[in-house]
C-alpha cells in the first residue's frame, strides 16, 4: 500500500517543478505571470493542491493542437 507521502495532497514549489521538469525559479516566474497551476501561500511557502495541478495539466493538454492531433 502506498503511503500518504508518496502522493501528497499539497505539492511544494520544488515538487511541482520536478513534476513539470522545470526549475523552482521557473515555477516562481510562471506563478508571477499567472501561468502556473492554482496555489496558495502558506507562510513563506507556496503550496499547490494536487487535484488543481492535475486539472491544470489536463486543461493545457486539451488546448494543445499538437496533442490533439496525436490523440486522433
C-alpha atoms as a PDB file:
ATOM      1  CA  UNK A   1       0.000   0.000   0.000  1.00  0.00           C
ATOM      2  CA  UNK A   2       1.328   3.436  -0.912  1.00  0.00           C
ATOM      3  CA  UNK A   3       1.962   5.795   1.945  1.00  0.00           C
ATOM      4  CA  UNK A   4       0.421   9.250   2.121  1.00  0.00           C
ATOM      5  CA  UNK A   5       3.831  10.793   1.434  1.00  0.00           C
ATOM      6  CA  UNK A   6       4.086   9.021  -1.947  1.00  0.00           C
ATOM      7  CA  UNK A   7       1.308  11.250  -3.336  1.00  0.00           C
ATOM      8  CA  UNK A   8       0.857  14.253  -1.051  1.00  0.00           C
ATOM      9  CA  UNK A   9      -2.327  16.285  -1.416  1.00  0.00           C
ATOM     10  CA  UNK A  10      -0.296  19.514  -1.452  1.00  0.00           C
ATOM     11  CA  UNK A  11       2.825  19.969  -3.555  1.00  0.00           C
ATOM     12  CA  UNK A  12       5.640  22.376  -2.738  1.00  0.00           C
ATOM     13  CA  UNK A  13       7.182  24.564  -5.418  1.00  0.00           C
ATOM     14  CA  UNK A  14      10.138  22.171  -5.659  1.00  0.00           C
ATOM     15  CA  UNK A  15       7.825  19.147  -6.055  1.00  0.00           C
ATOM     16  CA  UNK A  16       5.769  20.927  -8.710  1.00  0.00           C
ATOM     17  CA  UNK A  17       8.958  21.935 -10.526  1.00  0.00           C
ATOM     18  CA  UNK A  18      10.149  18.312 -10.547  1.00  0.00           C
ATOM     19  CA  UNK A  19       6.754  17.144 -11.848  1.00  0.00           C
ATOM     20  CA  UNK A  20       6.835  19.724 -14.662  1.00  0.00           C
ATOM     21  CA  UNK A  21      10.566  19.203 -15.290  1.00  0.00           C
ATOM     22  CA  UNK A  22      11.238  22.873 -14.641  1.00  0.00           C
ATOM     23  CA  UNK A  23      13.376  24.673 -12.096  1.00  0.00           C
ATOM     24  CA  UNK A  24      11.753  26.064  -8.958  1.00  0.00           C
ATOM     25  CA  UNK A  25      12.631  29.542 -10.238  1.00  0.00           C
ATOM     26  CA  UNK A  26      10.751  28.833 -13.493  1.00  0.00           C
ATOM     27  CA  UNK A  27       7.686  27.889 -11.426  1.00  0.00           C
ATOM     28  CA  UNK A  28       8.017  31.159  -9.476  1.00  0.00           C
ATOM     29  CA  UNK A  29       8.118  33.084 -12.761  1.00  0.00           C
ATOM     30  CA  UNK A  30       5.108  31.151 -14.097  1.00  0.00           C
ATOM     31  CA  UNK A  31       3.187  31.987 -10.918  1.00  0.00           C
ATOM     32  CA  UNK A  32       4.160  35.672 -11.157  1.00  0.00           C
ATOM     33  CA  UNK A  33       2.913  35.763 -14.771  1.00  0.00           C
ATOM     34  CA  UNK A  34      -0.327  33.952 -13.893  1.00  0.00           C
ATOM     35  CA  UNK A  35       0.660  30.882 -15.934  1.00  0.00           C
ATOM     36  CA  UNK A  36       1.088  28.366 -13.092  1.00  0.00           C
ATOM     37  CA  UNK A  37      -1.450  25.994 -11.570  1.00  0.00           C
ATOM     38  CA  UNK A  38      -3.557  27.379  -8.728  1.00  0.00           C
ATOM     39  CA  UNK A  39      -1.669  27.610  -5.463  1.00  0.00           C
ATOM     40  CA  UNK A  40      -1.749  29.489  -2.190  1.00  0.00           C
ATOM     41  CA  UNK A  41       0.718  30.985   0.238  1.00  0.00           C
ATOM     42  CA  UNK A  42       1.288  29.183   3.497  1.00  0.00           C
ATOM     43  CA  UNK A  43       3.739  31.275   5.456  1.00  0.00           C
ATOM     44  CA  UNK A  44       6.779  31.699   3.234  1.00  0.00           C
ATOM     45  CA  UNK A  45       5.890  28.746   1.012  1.00  0.00           C
ATOM     46  CA  UNK A  46       3.503  28.313  -1.890  1.00  0.00           C
ATOM     47  CA  UNK A  47       1.534  25.070  -1.896  1.00  0.00           C
ATOM     48  CA  UNK A  48      -0.283  23.604  -4.871  1.00  0.00           C
ATOM     49  CA  UNK A  49      -3.229  21.222  -4.407  1.00  0.00           C
ATOM     50  CA  UNK A  50      -2.530  18.036  -6.391  1.00  0.00           C
ATOM     51  CA  UNK A  51      -6.056  17.990  -7.855  1.00  0.00           C
ATOM     52  CA  UNK A  52      -5.659  21.560  -9.137  1.00  0.00           C
ATOM     53  CA  UNK A  53      -2.302  20.701 -10.695  1.00  0.00           C
ATOM     54  CA  UNK A  54      -3.756  17.647 -12.430  1.00  0.00           C
ATOM     55  CA  UNK A  55      -6.690  19.698 -13.748  1.00  0.00           C
ATOM     56  CA  UNK A  56      -4.312  22.433 -14.925  1.00  0.00           C
ATOM     57  CA  UNK A  57      -2.203  19.887 -16.822  1.00  0.00           C
ATOM     58  CA  UNK A  58      -5.338  18.332 -18.380  1.00  0.00           C
ATOM     59  CA  UNK A  59      -6.567  21.769 -19.493  1.00  0.00           C
ATOM     60  CA  UNK A  60      -3.202  22.578 -21.077  1.00  0.00           C
ATOM     61  CA  UNK A  61      -3.239  19.258 -22.934  1.00  0.00           C
ATOM     62  CA  UNK A  62      -6.750  19.985 -24.189  1.00  0.00           C
ATOM     63  CA  UNK A  63      -5.628  23.369 -25.569  1.00  0.00           C
ATOM     64  CA  UNK A  64      -2.522  21.988 -27.319  1.00  0.00           C
ATOM     65  CA  UNK A  65      -3.309  21.372 -31.016  1.00  0.00           C
ATOM     66  CA  UNK A  66      -0.331  19.018 -31.434  1.00  0.00           C
ATOM     67  CA  UNK A  67      -1.517  16.885 -28.507  1.00  0.00           C
ATOM     68  CA  UNK A  68      -4.990  16.803 -30.054  1.00  0.00           C
ATOM     69  CA  UNK A  69      -3.617  15.544 -33.391  1.00  0.00           C
ATOM     70  CA  UNK A  70      -1.679  12.721 -31.741  1.00  0.00           C
ATOM     71  CA  UNK A  71      -4.789  11.627 -29.800  1.00  0.00           C
ATOM     72  CA  UNK A  72      -6.767  11.055 -33.012  1.00  0.00           C
END
